[in-house]
Amino acid sequence: MRERPRPDQPRGNGRPPHRGAGRPPGDGRSGPPRERDRSAARPSEERGRSHPLLPSATRTLWNNAGDRVTNPALLFDRFAPEDAVFGDRTDATPRRDFLREVIASAGRLAASALAEQILARWEATVRAAGAQPFSVELESRLVTGLGAHGPLEIGFRFDRLGFPVLPGSGLKGVARAYAHLVERRDESDPDFLAIFGRVPRSGEAHDVGQAGALVFFDAYPEPGWRLELDVMTPHYPDYYSGKEPPTPWQNPNPITFLAVAPGTRYRIAIGLRQGASDPDGRLRALATERLRRGLAQLGFGAKTTSGYGVFRIGG
């Protein structure tokens, strides 16, 4: 963001500013001083506190209501304190403390009536599309959205209400990867083509593409789900930033992030696309089995090669 020029600073075109150039230091206006002037006169300990980057009135409201928030997505994306944005230090852990507040907010949401209502609405929606919902249980921690934009360097995927959903596009990708990598199926197989469809290859006509007959819905956690703190420790920060080779004298840089706790159960559903046909449910059963096995063997989300995102095959 470009810094706003001071009243006595010329603009980029060399002209003096039109407003406020001739005003005295007091600005010549009656009424209370601006908030930034009041904050400059505060004691040093007040200015040094960790606050969200918000206007003072919003900050006051937030300080009074922050411990009752039941939307961890709102808290995580919009109300990170300034100290948490810049990371932990040896003498304080503002980022870790802030993420614990997010976890507490997630716990309130998971135990609320809204969690039950959202899941009931989701189930009614997927059954209307001919799906038979089923549950799967996490065997290890799960992380998604690590590269998402946000105030912290490590993101996390919430939906707009604060639930750690699994996107249906990702679930479809896991089932397709299992069919292709493990079962050695491809678009020459009629069932593979019917379930996953295909996109035109380079040089092919556009009308060669085909949509899959099935819809993989976003998966929602069952009430009682939990988030946990986890940490990754890049040992060569100067190497990753392109400054020098991966030498052993570089200082490790621990980074704390959020993860869905093992034992969390997700509701998953695979339905029919409008106009598609699967009268005996064979395609849905086949896709369900491939997805179950894919979640158990390939995992879901980020860091699956390190054992994250693995589900129990029995559900």
C-alpha atoms as a PDB file:
ATOM      1  CA  MET A   1       0.000   0.000   0.000  1.00  0.00           C
ATOM      2  CA  ARG A   2       1.385   3.409  -0.957  1.00  0.00           C
ATOM      3  CA  GLU A   3       2.092   5.712   1.945  1.00  0.00           C
ATOM      4  CA  ARG A   4      -0.080   8.821   2.036  1.00  0.00           C
ATOM      5  CA  PRO A   5       2.066  11.987   1.593  1.00  0.00           C
ATOM      6  CA  ARG A   6       2.366  14.446   4.462  1.00  0.00           C
ATOM      7  CA  PRO A   7       0.586  17.817   4.135  1.00  0.00           C
ATOM      8  CA  ASP A   8       3.864  19.618   3.437  1.00  0.00           C
ATOM      9  CA  GLN A   9       5.164  16.977   1.014  1.00  0.00           C
ATOM     10  CA  PRO A  10       4.831  17.634  -2.757  1.00  0.00           C
ATOM     11  CA  ARG A  11       2.825  15.201  -4.850  1.00  0.00           C
ATOM     12  CA  GLY A  12       4.257  12.876  -7.445  1.00  0.00           C
ATOM     13  CA  ASN A  13       3.599  15.481 -10.153  1.00  0.00           C
ATOM     14  CA  GLY A  14       5.654  18.095  -8.318  1.00  0.00           C
ATOM     15  CA  ARG A  15       2.642  20.211  -7.337  1.00  0.00           C
ATOM     16  CA  PRO A  16       1.951  21.139  -3.737  1.00  0.00           C
ATOM     17  CA  PRO A  17      -1.114  19.498  -2.174  1.00  0.00           C
ATOM     18  CA  HIS A  18      -4.342  21.411  -2.503  1.00  0.00           C
ATOM     19  CA  ARG A  19      -5.765  20.666   0.932  1.00  0.00           C
ATOM     20  CA  GLY A  20      -4.319  21.544   4.253  1.00  0.00           C
ATOM     21  CA  ALA A  21      -1.138  23.111   2.861  1.00  0.00           C
ATOM     22  CA  GLY A  22      -1.681  26.439   4.560  1.00  0.00           C
ATOM     23  CA  ARG A  23      -3.279  25.196   7.775  1.00  0.00           C
ATOM     24  CA  PRO A  24      -1.525  25.711  11.094  1.00  0.00           C
ATOM     25  CA  PRO A  25      -0.268  22.668  13.031  1.00  0.00           C
ATOM     26  CA  GLY A  26      -3.494  22.585  15.032  1.00  0.00           C
ATOM     27  CA  ASP A  27      -5.439  22.188  11.757  1.00  0.00           C
ATOM     28  CA  GLY A  28      -7.660  25.166  12.640  1.00  0.00           C
ATOM     29  CA  ARG A  29     -10.649  22.953  13.377  1.00  0.00           C
ATOM     30  CA  SER A  30     -12.656  22.686  16.573  1.00  0.00           C
ATOM     31  CA  GLY A  31     -13.573  19.470  18.282  1.00  0.00           C
ATOM     32  CA  PRO A  32     -11.554  16.578  19.740  1.00  0.00           C
ATOM     33  CA  PRO A  33      -8.231  15.691  18.171  1.00  0.00           C
ATOM     34  CA  ARG A  34      -8.027  12.804  15.759  1.00  0.00           C
ATOM     35  CA  GLU A  35      -7.466   9.282  17.039  1.00  0.00           C
ATOM     36  CA  ARG A  36      -3.916   9.179  15.735  1.00  0.00           C
ATOM     37  CA  ASP A  37      -3.108  12.328  17.729  1.00  0.00           C
ATOM     38  CA  ARG A  38      -4.605  10.820  20.870  1.00  0.00           C
ATOM     39  CA  SER A  39      -2.710   7.582  20.331  1.00  0.00           C
ATOM     40  CA  ALA A  40       0.530   9.505  20.021  1.00  0.00           C
ATOM     41  CA  ALA A  41      -0.059  10.945  23.474  1.00  0.00           C
ATOM     42  CA  ARG A  42      -0.750   7.590  25.111  1.00  0.00           C
ATOM     43  CA  PRO A  43       1.746   6.009  27.479  1.00  0.00           C
ATOM     44  CA  SER A  44       4.310   3.746  25.869  1.00  0.00           C
ATOM     45  CA  GLU A  45       2.850   0.619  27.436  1.00  0.00           C
ATOM     46  CA  GLU A  46      -0.545   1.347  25.831  1.00  0.00           C
ATOM     47  CA  ARG A  47       0.972   1.821  22.400  1.00  0.00           C
ATOM     48  CA  GLY A  48       2.972  -1.379  22.767  1.00  0.00           C
ATOM     49  CA  ARG A  49      -0.021  -3.662  23.248  1.00  0.00           C
ATOM     50  CA  SER A  50      -0.999  -6.171  20.603  1.00  0.00           C
ATOM     51  CA  HIS A  51      -4.181  -4.996  18.871  1.00  0.00           C
ATOM     52  CA  PRO A  52      -5.938  -6.006  15.660  1.00  0.00           C
ATOM     53  CA  LEU A  53      -5.252  -3.544  12.866  1.00  0.00           C
ATOM     54  CA  LEU A  54      -8.634  -1.847  13.275  1.00  0.00           C
ATOM     55  CA  PRO A  55     -10.173   1.563  13.952  1.00  0.00           C
ATOM     56  CA  SER A  56     -10.362   2.345  17.649  1.00  0.00           C
ATOM     57  CA  ALA A  57     -14.158   1.984  17.940  1.00  0.00           C
ATOM     58  CA  THR A  58     -14.110  -1.421  16.236  1.00  0.00           C
ATOM     59  CA  ARG A  59     -11.161  -2.452  18.379  1.00  0.00           C
ATOM     60  CA  THR A  60     -13.044  -1.555  21.561  1.00  0.00           C
ATOM     61  CA  LEU A  61     -16.055  -3.589  20.452  1.00  0.00           C
ATOM     62  CA  TRP A  62     -13.792  -6.494  19.539  1.00  0.00           C
ATOM     63  CA  ASN A  63     -11.974  -6.448  22.887  1.00  0.00           C
ATOM     64  CA  ASN A  64     -15.328  -6.729  24.647  1.00  0.00           C
ATOM     65  CA  ALA A  65     -16.686  -9.529  22.446  1.00  0.00           C
ATOM     66  CA  GLY A  66     -13.593 -11.393  21.263  1.00  0.00           C
ATOM     67  CA  ASP A  67     -13.880 -14.252  23.765  1.00  0.00           C
ATOM     68  CA  ARG A  68     -17.422 -15.042  22.566  1.00  0.00           C
ATOM     69  CA  VAL A  69     -16.747 -15.238  18.813  1.00  0.00           C
ATOM     70  CA  THR A  70     -17.983 -18.459  17.205  1.00  0.00           C
ATOM     71  CA  ASN A  71     -16.651 -17.853  13.691  1.00  0.00           C
ATOM     72  CA  PRO A  72     -12.980 -18.864  13.601  1.00  0.00           C
ATOM     73  CA  ALA A  73     -12.739 -17.880   9.927  1.00  0.00           C
ATOM     74  CA  LEU A  74     -13.660 -14.278  10.728  1.00  0.00           C
ATOM     75  CA  LEU A  75     -11.221 -14.235  13.628  1.00  0.00           C
ATOM     76  CA  PHE A  76      -8.398 -15.812  11.615  1.00  0.00           C
ATOM     77  CA  ASP A  77      -8.811 -13.729   8.450  1.00  0.00           C
ATOM     78  CA  ARG A  78      -9.779 -10.306   9.809  1.00  0.00           C
ATOM     79  CA  PHE A  79      -8.802  -9.868  13.457  1.00  0.00           C
ATOM     80  CA  ALA A  80      -5.178 -10.955  13.744  1.00  0.00           C
ATOM     81  CA  PRO A  81      -3.306  -8.679  16.173  1.00  0.00           C
ATOM     82  CA  GLU A  82      -0.359  -6.778  14.789  1.00  0.00           C
ATOM     83  CA  ASP A  83       2.124  -8.702  16.948  1.00  0.00           C
ATOM     84  CA  ALA A  84       0.772 -12.018  15.645  1.00  0.00           C
ATOM     85  CA  VAL A  85       1.241 -10.881  12.044  1.00  0.00           C
ATOM     86  CA  PHE A  86       4.955 -10.308  12.654  1.00  0.00           C
ATOM     87  CA  GLY A  87       5.439 -13.678  14.387  1.00  0.00           C
ATOM     88  CA  ASP A  88       6.624 -15.055  17.693  1.00  0.00           C
ATOM     89  CA  ARG A  89       9.762 -13.951  19.512  1.00  0.00           C
ATOM     90  CA  THR A  90      12.010 -15.529  22.095  1.00  0.00           C
ATOM     91  CA  ASP A  91      10.336 -13.578  24.899  1.00  0.00           C
ATOM     92  CA  ALA A  92       6.699 -13.722  23.697  1.00  0.00           C
ATOM     93  CA  THR A  93       4.440 -15.870  21.524  1.00  0.00           C
ATOM     94  CA  PRO A  94       1.713 -13.561  20.155  1.00  0.00           C
ATOM     95  CA  ARG A  95       1.066 -15.686  17.052  1.00  0.00           C
ATOM     96  CA  ARG A  96       0.704 -18.873  19.047  1.00  0.00           C
ATOM     97  CA  ASP A  97      -1.581 -17.110  21.527  1.00  0.00           C
ATOM     98  CA  PHE A  98      -3.731 -15.769  18.701  1.00  0.00           C
ATOM     99  CA  LEU A  99      -4.036 -19.212  17.068  1.00  0.00           C
ATOM    100  CA  ARG A 100      -5.151 -20.598  20.425  1.00  0.00           C
ATOM    101  CA  GLU A 101      -7.950 -18.014  20.385  1.00  0.00           C
ATOM    102  CA  VAL A 102      -8.935 -19.276  16.917  1.00  0.00           C
ATOM    103  CA  ILE A 103      -8.963 -22.848  18.236  1.00  0.00           C
ATOM    104  CA  ALA A 104     -11.172 -21.792  21.158  1.00  0.00           C
ATOM    105  CA  SER A 105     -13.561 -20.077  18.733  1.00  0.00           C
ATOM    106  CA  ALA A 106     -13.658 -23.244  16.609  1.00  0.00           C
ATOM    107  CA  GLY A 107     -14.520 -25.260  19.713  1.00  0.00           C
ATOM    108  CA  ARG A 108     -17.479 -22.975  20.438  1.00  0.00           C
ATOM    109  CA  LEU A 109     -18.699 -23.336  16.846  1.00  0.00           C
ATOM    110  CA  ALA A 110     -18.301 -27.130  16.839  1.00  0.00           C
ATOM    111  CA  ALA A 111     -20.402 -27.381  20.004  1.00  0.00           C
ATOM    112  CA  SER A 112     -23.101 -24.928  18.874  1.00  0.00           C
ATOM    113  CA  ALA A 113     -26.548 -25.617  17.494  1.00  0.00           C
ATOM    114  CA  LEU A 114     -25.393 -24.113  14.192  1.00  0.00           C
ATOM    115  CA  ALA A 115     -23.104 -27.107  13.602  1.00  0.00           C
ATOM    116  CA  GLU A 116     -26.077 -29.459  13.786  1.00  0.00           C
ATOM    117  CA  GLN A 117     -28.262 -27.223  11.624  1.00  0.00           C
ATOM    118  CA  ILE A 118     -25.646 -26.773   8.892  1.00  0.00           C
ATOM    119  CA  LEU A 119     -25.077 -30.519   8.706  1.00  0.00           C
ATOM    120  CA  ALA A 120     -28.828 -31.189   8.526  1.00  0.00           C
ATOM    121  CA  ARG A 121     -29.211 -28.696   5.682  1.00  0.00           C
ATOM    122  CA  TRP A 122     -26.210 -30.203   3.890  1.00  0.00           C
ATOM    123  CA  GLU A 123     -27.653 -33.703   4.197  1.00  0.00           C
ATOM    124  CA  ALA A 124     -31.015 -32.615   2.794  1.00  0.00           C
ATOM    125  CA  THR A 125     -29.238 -30.985  -0.150  1.00  0.00           C
ATOM    126  CA  VAL A 126     -27.115 -33.995  -1.078  1.00  0.00           C
ATOM    127  CA  ARG A 127     -29.966 -36.477  -0.709  1.00  0.00           C
ATOM    128  CA  ALA A 128     -31.978 -34.377  -3.143  1.00  0.00           C
ATOM    129  CA  ALA A 129     -29.173 -35.044  -5.642  1.00  0.00           C
ATOM    130  CA  GLY A 130     -29.436 -38.806  -5.170  1.00  0.00           C
ATOM    131  CA  ALA A 131     -26.457 -39.118  -2.805  1.00  0.00           C
ATOM    132  CA  GLN A 132     -26.113 -41.496   0.129  1.00  0.00           C
ATOM    133  CA  PRO A 133     -23.938 -39.669   2.694  1.00  0.00           C
ATOM    134  CA  PHE A 134     -21.280 -41.581   4.588  1.00  0.00           C
ATOM    135  CA  SER A 135     -18.691 -40.723   7.246  1.00  0.00           C
ATOM    136  CA  VAL A 136     -14.910 -41.020   7.267  1.00  0.00           C
ATOM    137  CA  GLU A 137     -12.601 -40.484  10.235  1.00  0.00           C
ATOM    138  CA  LEU A 138      -9.226 -38.762  10.278  1.00  0.00           C
ATOM    139  CA  GLU A 139      -6.336 -40.945  11.361  1.00  0.00           C
ATOM    140  CA  SER A 140      -3.752 -38.127  11.288  1.00  0.00           C
ATOM    141  CA  ARG A 141      -3.839 -34.347  11.345  1.00  0.00           C
ATOM    142  CA  LEU A 142      -5.170 -32.607   8.256  1.00  0.00           C
ATOM    143  CA  VAL A 143      -4.126 -29.245   6.828  1.00  0.00           C
ATOM    144  CA  THR A 144      -5.616 -27.401   3.872  1.00  0.00           C
ATOM    145  CA  GLY A 145      -5.134 -23.905   2.514  1.00  0.00           C
ATOM    146  CA  LEU A 146      -1.535 -23.438   3.709  1.00  0.00           C
ATOM    147  CA  GLY A 147      -0.843 -21.155   0.750  1.00  0.00           C
ATOM    148  CA  ALA A 148      -4.058 -19.131   1.063  1.00  0.00           C
ATOM    149  CA  HIS A 149      -3.684 -15.366   1.350  1.00  0.00           C
ATOM    150  CA  GLY A 150      -4.216 -13.898   4.787  1.00  0.00           C
ATOM    151  CA  PRO A 151      -2.590 -11.856   7.539  1.00  0.00           C
ATOM    152  CA  LEU A 152      -0.321 -14.743   8.606  1.00  0.00           C
ATOM    153  CA  GLU A 153       2.297 -16.431   6.445  1.00  0.00           C
ATOM    154  CA  ILE A 154       0.512 -19.799   6.791  1.00  0.00           C
ATOM    155  CA  GLY A 155      -3.147 -19.924   5.747  1.00  0.00           C
ATOM    156  CA  PHE A 156      -6.006 -22.283   6.517  1.00  0.00           C
ATOM    157  CA  ARG A 157      -9.177 -23.171   4.620  1.00  0.00           C
ATOM    158  CA  PHE A 158     -12.455 -22.302   6.334  1.00  0.00           C
ATOM    159  CA  ASP A 159     -15.813 -21.765   4.721  1.00  0.00           C
ATOM    160  CA  ARG A 160     -17.529 -18.429   5.339  1.00  0.00           C
ATOM    161  CA  LEU A 161     -19.164 -19.684   8.557  1.00  0.00           C
ATOM    162  CA  GLY A 162     -15.913 -21.022   9.980  1.00  0.00           C
ATOM    163  CA  PHE A 163     -16.156 -24.767   9.240  1.00  0.00           C
ATOM    164  CA  PRO A 164     -13.013 -26.571   8.000  1.00  0.00           C
ATOM    165  CA  VAL A 165     -14.645 -27.993   4.880  1.00  0.00           C
ATOM    166  CA  LEU A 166     -13.043 -30.349   2.352  1.00  0.00           C
ATOM    167  CA  PRO A 167     -13.759 -28.953  -1.139  1.00  0.00           C
ATOM    168  CA  GLY A 168     -15.593 -31.327  -3.437  1.00  0.00           C
ATOM    169  CA  SER A 169     -13.129 -30.611  -6.246  1.00  0.00           C
ATOM    170  CA  GLY A 170     -10.326 -31.912  -4.028  1.00  0.00           C
ATOM    171  CA  LEU A 171     -12.278 -35.033  -3.110  1.00  0.00           C
ATOM    172  CA  LYS A 172     -12.934 -35.725  -6.776  1.00  0.00           C
ATOM    173  CA  GLY A 173      -9.208 -35.311  -7.422  1.00  0.00           C
ATOM    174  CA  VAL A 174      -8.347 -37.874  -4.738  1.00  0.00           C
ATOM    175  CA  ALA A 175     -10.780 -40.438  -6.201  1.00  0.00           C
ATOM    176  CA  ARG A 176      -9.464 -39.807  -9.709  1.00  0.00           C
ATOM    177  CA  ALA A 177      -5.848 -40.059  -8.589  1.00  0.00           C
ATOM    178  CA  TYR A 178      -6.547 -43.393  -6.905  1.00  0.00           C
ATOM    179  CA  ALA A 179      -8.260 -44.764 -10.017  1.00  0.00           C
ATOM    180  CA  HIS A 180      -5.418 -43.580 -12.241  1.00  0.00           C
ATOM    181  CA  LEU A 181      -2.345 -44.271 -10.064  1.00  0.00           C
ATOM    182  CA  VAL A 182      -3.439 -47.402  -8.193  1.00  0.00           C
ATOM    183  CA  GLU A 183      -6.006 -49.062 -10.455  1.00  0.00           C
ATOM    184  CA  ARG A 184      -4.260 -47.895 -13.663  1.00  0.00           C
ATOM    185  CA  ARG A 185      -7.493 -46.602 -15.166  1.00  0.00           C
ATOM    186  CA  ASP A 186      -7.713 -43.752 -17.663  1.00  0.00           C
ATOM    187  CA  GLU A 187     -10.172 -42.129 -20.047  1.00  0.00           C
ATOM    188  CA  SER A 188     -10.229 -45.212 -22.251  1.00  0.00           C
ATOM    189  CA  ASP A 189     -12.180 -46.963 -19.478  1.00  0.00           C
ATOM    190  CA  PRO A 190     -15.938 -46.253 -19.834  1.00  0.00           C
ATOM    191  CA  ASP A 191     -16.574 -46.103 -16.077  1.00  0.00           C
ATOM    192  CA  PHE A 192     -13.614 -43.762 -15.504  1.00  0.00           C
ATOM    193  CA  LEU A 193     -14.883 -41.490 -18.272  1.00  0.00           C
ATOM    194  CA  ALA A 194     -18.455 -41.566 -16.976  1.00  0.00           C
ATOM    195  CA  ILE A 195     -17.435 -40.660 -13.415  1.00  0.00           C
ATOM    196  CA  PHE A 196     -14.714 -38.076 -14.001  1.00  0.00           C
ATOM    197  CA  GLY A 197     -15.310 -36.857 -17.562  1.00  0.00           C
ATOM    198  CA  ARG A 198     -12.500 -35.419 -19.646  1.00  0.00           C
ATOM    199  CA  VAL A 199     -11.190 -32.135 -21.032  1.00  0.00           C
ATOM    200  CA  PRO A 200     -10.098 -31.735 -24.662  1.00  0.00           C
ATOM    201  CA  ARG A 201      -6.409 -32.298 -25.233  1.00  0.00           C
ATOM    202  CA  SER A 202      -4.259 -29.928 -27.201  1.00  0.00           C
ATOM    203  CA  GLY A 203      -5.411 -29.886 -30.808  1.00  0.00           C
ATOM    204  CA  GLU A 204      -8.767 -31.550 -30.105  1.00  0.00           C
ATOM    205  CA  ALA A 205     -12.113 -29.899 -30.789  1.00  0.00           C
ATOM    206  CA  HIS A 206     -13.879 -28.298 -27.850  1.00  0.00           C
ATOM    207  CA  ASP A 207     -16.934 -30.545 -28.160  1.00  0.00           C
ATOM    208  CA  VAL A 208     -14.780 -33.600 -27.409  1.00  0.00           C
ATOM    209  CA  GLY A 209     -14.859 -32.636 -23.725  1.00  0.00           C
ATOM    210  CA  GLN A 210     -17.288 -34.429 -21.459  1.00  0.00           C
ATOM    211  CA  ALA A 211     -18.578 -33.661 -17.973  1.00  0.00           C
ATOM    212  CA  GLY A 212     -18.625 -36.419 -15.393  1.00  0.00           C
ATOM    213  CA  ALA A 213     -21.984 -37.865 -14.409  1.00  0.00           C
ATOM    214  CA  LEU A 214     -21.329 -37.454 -10.668  1.00  0.00           C
ATOM    215  CA  VAL A 215     -21.071 -34.492  -8.306  1.00  0.00           C
ATOM    216  CA  PHE A 216     -18.609 -34.590  -5.395  1.00  0.00           C
ATOM    217  CA  PHE A 217     -20.051 -32.343  -2.683  1.00  0.00           C
ATOM    218  CA  ASP A 218     -18.010 -30.355  -0.177  1.00  0.00           C
ATOM    219  CA  ALA A 219     -17.521 -32.438   2.977  1.00  0.00           C
ATOM    220  CA  TYR A 220     -18.501 -30.996   6.364  1.00  0.00           C
ATOM    221  CA  PRO A 221     -17.192 -32.111   9.759  1.00  0.00           C
ATOM    222  CA  GLU A 222     -19.545 -33.700  12.229  1.00  0.00           C
ATOM    223  CA  PRO A 223     -20.212 -31.731  15.452  1.00  0.00           C
ATOM    224  CA  GLY A 224     -17.414 -31.999  17.974  1.00  0.00           C
ATOM    225  CA  TRP A 225     -14.582 -31.457  15.481  1.00  0.00           C
ATOM    226  CA  ARG A 226     -11.399 -29.837  16.791  1.00  0.00           C
ATOM    227  CA  LEU A 227      -8.449 -27.806  15.580  1.00  0.00           C
ATOM    228  CA  GLU A 228      -4.924 -28.181  16.931  1.00  0.00           C
ATOM    229  CA  LEU A 229      -1.639 -26.324  16.807  1.00  0.00           C
ATOM    230  CA  ASP A 230       1.165 -27.777  14.728  1.00  0.00           C
ATOM    231  CA  VAL A 231       4.612 -26.526  13.816  1.00  0.00           C
ATOM    232  CA  MET A 232       6.982 -26.805  10.877  1.00  0.00           C
ATOM    233  CA  THR A 233      10.644 -25.826  11.168  1.00  0.00           C
ATOM    234  CA  PRO A 234      12.483 -24.783   7.989  1.00  0.00           C
ATOM    235  CA  HIS A 235      16.156 -25.330   8.849  1.00  0.00           C
ATOM    236  CA  TYR A 236      17.542 -23.292   5.941  1.00  0.00           C
ATOM    237  CA  PRO A 237      15.604 -19.995   5.810  1.00  0.00           C
ATOM    238  CA  ASP A 238      18.381 -18.183   3.911  1.00  0.00           C
ATOM    239  CA  TYR A 239      18.428 -20.939   1.294  1.00  0.00           C
ATOM    240  CA  TYR A 240      14.657 -20.822   0.780  1.00  0.00           C
ATOM    241  CA  SER A 241      14.834 -17.051   0.338  1.00  0.00           C
ATOM    242  CA  GLY A 242      17.594 -17.432  -2.263  1.00  0.00           C
ATOM    243  CA  LYS A 243      20.339 -15.780  -0.223  1.00  0.00           C
ATOM    244  CA  GLU A 244      22.821 -18.652   0.183  1.00  0.00           C
ATOM    245  CA  PRO A 245      23.223 -22.452  -0.069  1.00  0.00           C
ATOM    246  CA  PRO A 246      21.674 -24.767   2.579  1.00  0.00           C
ATOM    247  CA  THR A 247      24.487 -24.386   5.081  1.00  0.00           C
ATOM    248  CA  PRO A 248      24.295 -25.944   8.587  1.00  0.00           C
ATOM    249  CA  TRP A 249      24.850 -22.688  10.495  1.00  0.00           C
ATOM    250  CA  GLN A 250      21.519 -21.100   9.532  1.00  0.00           C
ATOM    251  CA  ASN A 251      19.014 -20.606  12.344  1.00  0.00           C
ATOM    252  CA  PRO A 252      15.889 -22.834  12.187  1.00  0.00           C
ATOM    253  CA  ASN A 253      12.677 -20.864  11.908  1.00  0.00           C
ATOM    254  CA  PRO A 254       9.712 -22.592  13.633  1.00  0.00           C
ATOM    255  CA  ILE A 255       6.332 -21.692  12.069  1.00  0.00           C
ATOM    256  CA  THR A 256       3.116 -22.455  13.958  1.00  0.00           C
ATOM    257  CA  PHE A 257      -0.036 -23.297  11.983  1.00  0.00           C
ATOM    258  CA  LEU A 258      -3.525 -24.768  12.367  1.00  0.00           C
ATOM    259  CA  ALA A 259      -4.523 -28.369  11.653  1.00  0.00           C
ATOM    260  CA  VAL A 260      -7.708 -30.428  11.997  1.00  0.00           C
ATOM    261  CA  ALA A 261      -7.276 -32.886  14.861  1.00  0.00           C
ATOM    262  CA  PRO A 262      -7.177 -36.678  14.369  1.00  0.00           C
ATOM    263  CA  GLY A 263     -10.466 -38.366  15.195  1.00  0.00           C
ATOM    264  CA  THR A 264     -12.523 -35.700  13.425  1.00  0.00           C
ATOM    265  CA  ARG A 265     -15.272 -37.274  11.335  1.00  0.00           C
ATOM    266  CA  TYR A 266     -16.379 -35.834   7.996  1.00  0.00           C
ATOM    267  CA  ARG A 267     -19.638 -36.388   6.131  1.00  0.00           C
ATOM    268  CA  ILE A 268     -19.069 -37.080   2.436  1.00  0.00           C
ATOM    269  CA  ALA A 269     -21.567 -37.412  -0.411  1.00  0.00           C
ATOM    270  CA  ILE A 270     -21.422 -38.180  -4.132  1.00  0.00           C
ATOM    271  CA  GLY A 271     -24.575 -37.375  -6.101  1.00  0.00           C
ATOM    272  CA  LEU A 272     -25.798 -37.265  -9.671  1.00  0.00           C
ATOM    273  CA  ARG A 273     -25.323 -34.329 -11.971  1.00  0.00           C
ATOM    274  CA  GLN A 274     -28.625 -32.955 -13.268  1.00  0.00           C
ATOM    275  CA  GLY A 275     -29.690 -34.937 -16.327  1.00  0.00           C
ATOM    276  CA  ALA A 276     -27.231 -37.801 -15.689  1.00  0.00           C
ATOM    277  CA  SER A 277     -28.350 -41.396 -15.209  1.00  0.00           C
ATOM    278  CA  ASP A 278     -27.185 -44.074 -12.773  1.00  0.00           C
ATOM    279  CA  PRO A 279     -30.318 -46.164 -12.138  1.00  0.00           C
ATOM    280  CA  ASP A 280     -28.690 -48.978 -10.166  1.00  0.00           C
ATOM    281  CA  GLY A 281     -26.217 -46.726  -8.318  1.00  0.00           C
ATOM    282  CA  ARG A 282     -23.226 -48.608  -9.728  1.00  0.00           C
ATOM    283  CA  LEU A 283     -21.233 -45.494 -10.665  1.00  0.00           C
ATOM    284  CA  ARG A 284     -21.843 -43.874  -7.278  1.00  0.00           C
ATOM    285  CA  ALA A 285     -20.773 -47.035  -5.469  1.00  0.00           C
ATOM    286  CA  LEU A 286     -17.625 -47.297  -7.577  1.00  0.00           C
ATOM    287  CA  ALA A 287     -16.732 -43.636  -7.012  1.00  0.00           C
ATOM    288  CA  THR A 288     -17.382 -44.001  -3.268  1.00  0.00           C
ATOM    289  CA  GLU A 289     -15.057 -46.990  -2.998  1.00  0.00           C
ATOM    290  CA  ARG A 290     -12.307 -45.211  -4.939  1.00  0.00           C
ATOM    291  CA  LEU A 291     -12.653 -42.145  -2.757  1.00  0.00           C
ATOM    292  CA  ARG A 292     -12.529 -44.163   0.482  1.00  0.00           C
ATOM    293  CA  ARG A 293      -9.383 -45.964  -0.623  1.00  0.00           C
ATOM    294  CA  GLY A 294      -7.836 -42.787  -1.971  1.00  0.00           C
ATOM    295  CA  LEU A 295      -8.345 -40.972   1.332  1.00  0.00           C
ATOM    296  CA  ALA A 296      -6.737 -43.902   3.167  1.00  0.00           C
ATOM    297  CA  GLN A 297      -3.783 -44.441   0.824  1.00  0.00           C
ATOM    298  CA  LEU A 298      -3.124 -41.030  -0.770  1.00  0.00           C
ATOM    299  CA  GLY A 299      -4.516 -38.666   1.862  1.00  0.00           C
ATOM    300  CA  PHE A 300      -6.136 -35.276   1.448  1.00  0.00           C
ATOM    301  CA  GLY A 301      -4.801 -31.735   1.650  1.00  0.00           C
ATOM    302  CA  ALA A 302      -1.238 -30.522   2.149  1.00  0.00           C
ATOM    303  CA  LYS A 303       1.826 -32.417   3.438  1.00  0.00           C
ATOM    304  CA  THR A 304       0.388 -35.831   2.587  1.00  0.00           C
ATOM    305  CA  THR A 305       3.913 -37.119   1.905  1.00  0.00           C
ATOM    306  CA  SER A 306       4.631 -36.399   5.583  1.00  0.00           C
ATOM    307  CA  GLY A 307       1.611 -38.426   6.748  1.00  0.00           C
ATOM    308  CA  TYR A 308      -0.975 -35.655   7.009  1.00  0.00           C
ATOM    309  CA  GLY A 309      -4.574 -35.984   5.826  1.00  0.00           C
ATOM    310  CA  VAL A 310      -4.855 -39.791   6.110  1.00  0.00           C
ATOM    311  CA  PHE A 311      -8.298 -41.271   6.823  1.00  0.00           C
ATOM    312  CA  ARG A 312      -9.229 -44.677   8.217  1.00  0.00           C
ATOM    313  CA  ILE A 313     -10.483 -46.873   5.437  1.00  0.00           C
ATOM    314  CA  GLY A 314     -13.306 -48.274   7.569  1.00  0.00           C
ATOM    315  CA  GLY A 315     -14.678 -44.755   8.100  1.00  0.00           C
END
